[in-house]
Structure formats: C-alpha cells, structure tokens
Amino acid sequence: MRAAVPKSPQWQHIVSSPLARCLAFSEELAGRLNIEFSVDDRVKEIGFGEWEGKTPEEILAIDSEALAHFYQDPVHNRPAGAEPLEEFAARVWQAYQSILKNHTDTHVLIVAHAGVARAITANILQMSLDDVYSRLRVEYGAIIHTSADTDTPPKLLIQGPT
C-alpha cells in the first residue's frame, strides 16, 4: 500500500476498514499527511464464514479442492456461513454513498479490500457480481479512482501518470 501512495496525494480525509492491516496503514498515512481519518465497519472485507481466520493450508486440510473451486468461481463456491454477496455489495454501496454525502467537495481515500473495490466498481459500472468477480482483478495496494457530483451518478476514473 505504501508503494501505491503518490508523491503528492490530494487526499483530505481517509476512511478505513476496521481490519488490522487497513487500519494500521490508515493511521500511519493520516499522521504522515496530517489529515483526519475515520473508520467505517461497512468497508470491511466480506465475511468468509467457516474460512474466517483460517490459513489456506488449514482450509485445504478440511477440503483439498475448496480453494481451487473458489478461485475458479468465487460467486458460486462460497464457504459455508459466508456473508451473501448481494448483502455485502449493498453494505459497501451504502457506505460509499454515505462517504460521498458526508465528504462533499473533498478528496477521500478509502482504505479497504479487493472485495470492497469490486462492489463499488460493480455498482458504478452496473456490472453483475458474477462479471465483476470473474472479469476484474484487483491487485494488492491498487488505487481505484472514482468521481461523484451531486447531479450525476459516480464515475470510474482511469487516470494516467501524475
């Protein structure tokens, strides 16, 4: 994540997932940039049910093919007890809309997870969850830019080097 931060970021506020890596990074970056940050539970990663807190090795010990099936089709091969994708996407979209409303005319960095990035992107581009999970790869530390005006729907921005 540190490597993805531009030399002169324009962010005026950071909203962070409460999960440890995002939260620690957000605290560090906010301190370095001398800006405020807040935590929003709604931008934490999707709940993985019985896989929560387990290493890949522990999951494979229970079911040697579970991860292969999940990576081939994460929408239809969810672990038992996992948060339903539709509920997750609605939770994240609600958080995104709230962030837009509470931080108008502000450059906000949301420090979250790949699933959160997919959920926001799916809503902006009006893609199905099947499509966004099968056709969108989100790298670690990726920055996805969006823009929102009060009179138009949010837009995904594809920017060149700054």
C-alpha atoms as a PDB file:
ATOM      1  CA  MET A   1       0.000   0.000   0.000  1.00  0.00           C
ATOM      2  CA  ARG A   2       2.839   2.371   0.821  1.00  0.00           C
ATOM      3  CA  ALA A   3       4.302   1.949  -2.675  1.00  0.00           C
ATOM      4  CA  ALA A   4       0.959   2.953  -4.231  1.00  0.00           C
ATOM      5  CA  VAL A   5       0.791   6.332  -2.470  1.00  0.00           C
ATOM      6  CA  PRO A   6       1.585   9.134  -4.939  1.00  0.00           C
ATOM      7  CA  LYS A   7       4.343  11.641  -4.143  1.00  0.00           C
ATOM      8  CA  SER A   8       1.859  14.481  -3.559  1.00  0.00           C
ATOM      9  CA  PRO A   9      -1.504  12.941  -2.689  1.00  0.00           C
ATOM     10  CA  GLN A  10      -4.544  15.206  -2.795  1.00  0.00           C
ATOM     11  CA  TRP A  11      -6.494  13.309  -0.136  1.00  0.00           C
ATOM     12  CA  GLN A  12      -8.099  15.390   2.569  1.00  0.00           C
ATOM     13  CA  HIS A  13      -9.616  12.559   4.584  1.00  0.00           C
ATOM     14  CA  ILE A  14      -9.138   8.801   4.903  1.00  0.00           C
ATOM     15  CA  VAL A  15     -11.925   6.304   5.585  1.00  0.00           C
ATOM     16  CA  SER A  16     -10.596   2.931   6.702  1.00  0.00           C
ATOM     17  CA  SER A  17     -11.780  -0.595   7.129  1.00  0.00           C
ATOM     18  CA  PRO A  18     -11.537  -1.616  10.791  1.00  0.00           C
ATOM     19  CA  LEU A  19      -9.432  -4.663   9.907  1.00  0.00           C
ATOM     20  CA  ALA A  20      -5.841  -4.559  11.183  1.00  0.00           C
ATOM     21  CA  ARG A  21      -3.746  -4.000   8.049  1.00  0.00           C
ATOM     22  CA  CYS A  22      -6.013  -1.293   6.641  1.00  0.00           C
ATOM     23  CA  LEU A  23      -6.396   0.418   9.992  1.00  0.00           C
ATOM     24  CA  ALA A  24      -2.651   0.469  10.756  1.00  0.00           C
ATOM     25  CA  PHE A  25      -1.869   1.840   7.287  1.00  0.00           C
ATOM     26  CA  SER A  26      -4.613   4.477   7.551  1.00  0.00           C
ATOM     27  CA  GLU A  27      -3.349   5.698  10.922  1.00  0.00           C
ATOM     28  CA  GLU A  28       0.208   5.896   9.606  1.00  0.00           C
ATOM     29  CA  LEU A  29      -0.742   7.683   6.375  1.00  0.00           C
ATOM     30  CA  ALA A  30      -3.107  10.129   8.079  1.00  0.00           C
ATOM     31  CA  GLY A  31      -0.337  11.036  10.501  1.00  0.00           C
ATOM     32  CA  ARG A  32       2.177  11.496   7.700  1.00  0.00           C
ATOM     33  CA  LEU A  33      -0.211  13.657   5.647  1.00  0.00           C
ATOM     34  CA  ASN A  34      -1.557  15.465   8.709  1.00  0.00           C
ATOM     35  CA  ILE A  35      -5.183  14.723   7.781  1.00  0.00           C
ATOM     36  CA  GLU A  36      -8.061  13.138   9.673  1.00  0.00           C
ATOM     37  CA  PHE A  37      -9.217   9.592   9.233  1.00  0.00           C
ATOM     38  CA  SER A  38     -12.278   7.686  10.292  1.00  0.00           C
ATOM     39  CA  VAL A  39     -13.221   4.020  10.474  1.00  0.00           C
ATOM     40  CA  ASP A  40     -16.312   2.593   8.801  1.00  0.00           C
ATOM     41  CA  ASP A  41     -17.213  -1.022   9.597  1.00  0.00           C
ATOM     42  CA  ARG A  42     -19.193  -1.221   6.370  1.00  0.00           C
ATOM     43  CA  VAL A  43     -15.983  -1.199   4.269  1.00  0.00           C
ATOM     44  CA  LYS A  44     -14.501  -4.271   5.916  1.00  0.00           C
ATOM     45  CA  GLU A  45     -13.961  -7.288   3.665  1.00  0.00           C
ATOM     46  CA  ILE A  46     -16.723  -9.775   3.017  1.00  0.00           C
ATOM     47  CA  GLY A  47     -17.270 -12.313   5.775  1.00  0.00           C
ATOM     48  CA  PHE A  48     -15.829 -15.698   4.820  1.00  0.00           C
ATOM     49  CA  GLY A  49     -17.892 -17.820   7.203  1.00  0.00           C
ATOM     50  CA  GLU A  50     -16.149 -21.018   8.270  1.00  0.00           C
ATOM     51  CA  TRP A  51     -12.951 -19.877   6.486  1.00  0.00           C
ATOM     52  CA  GLU A  52     -12.681 -16.712   8.577  1.00  0.00           C
ATOM     53  CA  GLY A  53      -9.284 -16.508  10.251  1.00  0.00           C
ATOM     54  CA  LYS A  54      -8.001 -19.734   8.659  1.00  0.00           C
ATOM     55  CA  THR A  55      -4.859 -20.003   6.576  1.00  0.00           C
ATOM     56  CA  PRO A  56      -5.067 -21.527   3.080  1.00  0.00           C
ATOM     57  CA  GLU A  57      -3.318 -24.612   4.481  1.00  0.00           C
ATOM     58  CA  GLU A  58      -5.994 -25.019   7.156  1.00  0.00           C
ATOM     59  CA  ILE A  59      -8.749 -24.708   4.542  1.00  0.00           C
ATOM     60  CA  LEU A  60      -7.034 -27.255   2.292  1.00  0.00           C
ATOM     61  CA  ALA A  61      -6.718 -29.689   5.213  1.00  0.00           C
ATOM     62  CA  ILE A  62     -10.510 -29.656   5.511  1.00  0.00           C
ATOM     63  CA  ASP A  63     -11.208 -29.791   1.754  1.00  0.00           C
ATOM     64  CA  SER A  64      -8.317 -30.189  -0.684  1.00  0.00           C
ATOM     65  CA  GLU A  65     -10.292 -28.709  -3.601  1.00  0.00           C
ATOM     66  CA  ALA A  66     -12.154 -25.899  -1.830  1.00  0.00           C
ATOM     67  CA  LEU A  67      -9.755 -23.095  -2.723  1.00  0.00           C
ATOM     68  CA  ALA A  68      -9.391 -24.226  -6.346  1.00  0.00           C
ATOM     69  CA  HIS A  69     -13.172 -24.187  -6.740  1.00  0.00           C
ATOM     70  CA  PHE A  70     -13.414 -20.813  -5.003  1.00  0.00           C
ATOM     71  CA  TYR A  71     -10.754 -19.192  -7.211  1.00  0.00           C
ATOM     72  CA  GLN A  72     -12.357 -20.632 -10.374  1.00  0.00           C
ATOM     73  CA  ASP A  73     -15.798 -19.311  -9.440  1.00  0.00           C
ATOM     74  CA  PRO A  74     -15.896 -17.276  -6.210  1.00  0.00           C
ATOM     75  CA  VAL A  75     -19.535 -16.316  -6.676  1.00  0.00           C
ATOM     76  CA  HIS A  76     -20.853 -19.896  -6.684  1.00  0.00           C
ATOM     77  CA  ASN A  77     -18.263 -21.609  -4.459  1.00  0.00           C
ATOM     78  CA  ARG A  78     -18.570 -19.652  -1.218  1.00  0.00           C
ATOM     79  CA  PRO A  79     -17.582 -21.169   2.129  1.00  0.00           C
ATOM     80  CA  ALA A  80     -20.371 -22.240   4.465  1.00  0.00           C
ATOM     81  CA  GLY A  81     -21.681 -19.347   6.534  1.00  0.00           C
ATOM     82  CA  ALA A  82     -20.129 -16.717   4.258  1.00  0.00           C
ATOM     83  CA  GLU A  83     -21.768 -13.324   4.020  1.00  0.00           C
ATOM     84  CA  PRO A  84     -24.069 -13.335   0.960  1.00  0.00           C
ATOM     85  CA  LEU A  85     -22.511 -11.356  -1.890  1.00  0.00           C
ATOM     86  CA  GLU A  86     -25.644  -9.317  -2.503  1.00  0.00           C
ATOM     87  CA  GLU A  87     -25.765  -8.217   1.156  1.00  0.00           C
ATOM     88  CA  PHE A  88     -22.043  -7.446   1.113  1.00  0.00           C
ATOM     89  CA  ALA A  89     -22.369  -5.365  -2.075  1.00  0.00           C
ATOM     90  CA  ALA A  90     -25.348  -3.467  -0.613  1.00  0.00           C
ATOM     91  CA  ARG A  91     -23.443  -2.792   2.630  1.00  0.00           C
ATOM     92  CA  VAL A  92     -20.425  -1.454   0.750  1.00  0.00           C
ATOM     93  CA  TRP A  93     -22.506   0.654  -1.640  1.00  0.00           C
ATOM     94  CA  GLN A  94     -24.371   2.173   1.304  1.00  0.00           C
ATOM     95  CA  ALA A  95     -21.016   3.050   2.894  1.00  0.00           C
ATOM     96  CA  TYR A  96     -19.726   4.564  -0.358  1.00  0.00           C
ATOM     97  CA  GLN A  97     -22.875   6.688  -0.762  1.00  0.00           C
ATOM     98  CA  SER A  98     -22.579   7.825   2.858  1.00  0.00           C
ATOM     99  CA  ILE A  99     -18.921   8.771   2.368  1.00  0.00           C
ATOM    100  CA  LEU A 100     -19.859  10.813  -0.705  1.00  0.00           C
ATOM    101  CA  LYS A 101     -22.630  12.582   1.218  1.00  0.00           C
ATOM    102  CA  ASN A 102     -20.502  13.297   4.288  1.00  0.00           C
ATOM    103  CA  HIS A 103     -17.418  14.468   2.378  1.00  0.00           C
ATOM    104  CA  THR A 104     -18.698  16.611  -0.475  1.00  0.00           C
ATOM    105  CA  ASP A 105     -16.019  18.589  -2.327  1.00  0.00           C
ATOM    106  CA  THR A 106     -13.354  16.508  -0.558  1.00  0.00           C
ATOM    107  CA  HIS A 107     -10.756  14.082  -1.887  1.00  0.00           C
ATOM    108  CA  VAL A 108     -11.249  10.944   0.207  1.00  0.00           C
ATOM    109  CA  LEU A 109      -9.128   7.807   0.261  1.00  0.00           C
ATOM    110  CA  ILE A 110     -10.994   4.637   1.221  1.00  0.00           C
ATOM    111  CA  VAL A 111      -8.531   2.076   2.552  1.00  0.00           C
ATOM    112  CA  ALA A 112     -10.255  -1.250   2.155  1.00  0.00           C
ATOM    113  CA  HIS A 113     -10.097  -4.635   0.468  1.00  0.00           C
ATOM    114  CA  ALA A 114     -10.387  -6.149  -3.024  1.00  0.00           C
ATOM    115  CA  GLY A 115     -13.986  -7.223  -2.432  1.00  0.00           C
ATOM    116  CA  VAL A 116     -14.896  -3.660  -1.452  1.00  0.00           C
ATOM    117  CA  ALA A 117     -13.259  -2.315  -4.611  1.00  0.00           C
ATOM    118  CA  ARG A 118     -15.189  -4.862  -6.672  1.00  0.00           C
ATOM    119  CA  ALA A 119     -18.504  -3.981  -5.008  1.00  0.00           C
ATOM    120  CA  ILE A 120     -18.064  -0.254  -5.653  1.00  0.00           C
ATOM    121  CA  THR A 121     -16.886  -0.840  -9.216  1.00  0.00           C
ATOM    122  CA  ALA A 122     -19.796  -3.217  -9.907  1.00  0.00           C
ATOM    123  CA  ASN A 123     -22.269  -0.566  -8.808  1.00  0.00           C
ATOM    124  CA  ILE A 124     -20.653   2.286 -10.736  1.00  0.00           C
ATOM    125  CA  LEU A 125     -20.340   0.259 -13.949  1.00  0.00           C
ATOM    126  CA  GLN A 126     -23.644  -1.555 -13.373  1.00  0.00           C
ATOM    127  CA  MET A 127     -21.946  -4.936 -13.689  1.00  0.00           C
ATOM    128  CA  SER A 128     -23.273  -8.142 -12.201  1.00  0.00           C
ATOM    129  CA  LEU A 129     -21.401  -9.625  -9.266  1.00  0.00           C
ATOM    130  CA  ASP A 130     -20.665 -12.662 -11.463  1.00  0.00           C
ATOM    131  CA  ASP A 131     -18.983 -10.404 -14.013  1.00  0.00           C
ATOM    132  CA  VAL A 132     -17.073  -8.255 -11.561  1.00  0.00           C
ATOM    133  CA  TYR A 133     -15.640 -11.295  -9.757  1.00  0.00           C
ATOM    134  CA  SER A 134     -14.744 -13.147 -12.957  1.00  0.00           C
ATOM    135  CA  ARG A 135     -13.539 -10.181 -15.049  1.00  0.00           C
ATOM    136  CA  LEU A 136     -11.976  -7.715 -12.605  1.00  0.00           C
ATOM    137  CA  ARG A 137      -8.644  -8.379 -10.964  1.00  0.00           C
ATOM    138  CA  VAL A 138      -7.734  -6.093  -8.080  1.00  0.00           C
ATOM    139  CA  GLU A 139      -4.032  -6.094  -7.207  1.00  0.00           C
ATOM    140  CA  TYR A 140      -2.752  -5.591  -3.664  1.00  0.00           C
ATOM    141  CA  GLY A 141      -2.290  -1.890  -2.974  1.00  0.00           C
ATOM    142  CA  ALA A 142      -4.296  -0.866  -6.051  1.00  0.00           C
ATOM    143  CA  ILE A 143      -5.830   2.591  -6.183  1.00  0.00           C
ATOM    144  CA  ILE A 144      -9.155   2.850  -7.991  1.00  0.00           C
ATOM    145  CA  HIS A 145     -10.303   6.404  -8.627  1.00  0.00           C
ATOM    146  CA  THR A 146     -13.936   7.459  -8.653  1.00  0.00           C
ATOM    147  CA  SER A 147     -15.593  10.824  -9.022  1.00  0.00           C
ATOM    148  CA  ALA A 148     -19.002  11.934  -7.897  1.00  0.00           C
ATOM    149  CA  ASP A 149     -21.023  15.083  -8.429  1.00  0.00           C
ATOM    150  CA  THR A 150     -24.315  15.752  -6.710  1.00  0.00           C
ATOM    151  CA  ASP A 151     -26.249  15.806 -10.005  1.00  0.00           C
ATOM    152  CA  THR A 152     -24.819  12.710 -11.722  1.00  0.00           C
ATOM    153  CA  PRO A 153     -24.045   9.113 -10.815  1.00  0.00           C
ATOM    154  CA  PRO A 154     -20.487   8.322  -9.668  1.00  0.00           C
ATOM    155  CA  LYS A 155     -17.912   7.637 -12.370  1.00  0.00           C
ATOM    156  CA  LEU A 156     -14.881   5.381 -12.510  1.00  0.00           C
ATOM    157  CA  LEU A 157     -11.782   7.382 -13.467  1.00  0.00           C
ATOM    158  CA  ILE A 158      -8.929   5.821 -15.378  1.00  0.00           C
ATOM    159  CA  GLN A 159      -6.038   8.183 -14.906  1.00  0.00           C
ATOM    160  CA  GLY A 160      -2.623   8.428 -16.448  1.00  0.00           C
ATOM    161  CA  PRO A 161       0.558   9.146 -14.514  1.00  0.00           C
ATOM    162  CA  THR A 162       0.557  12.244 -12.367  1.00  0.00           C
END
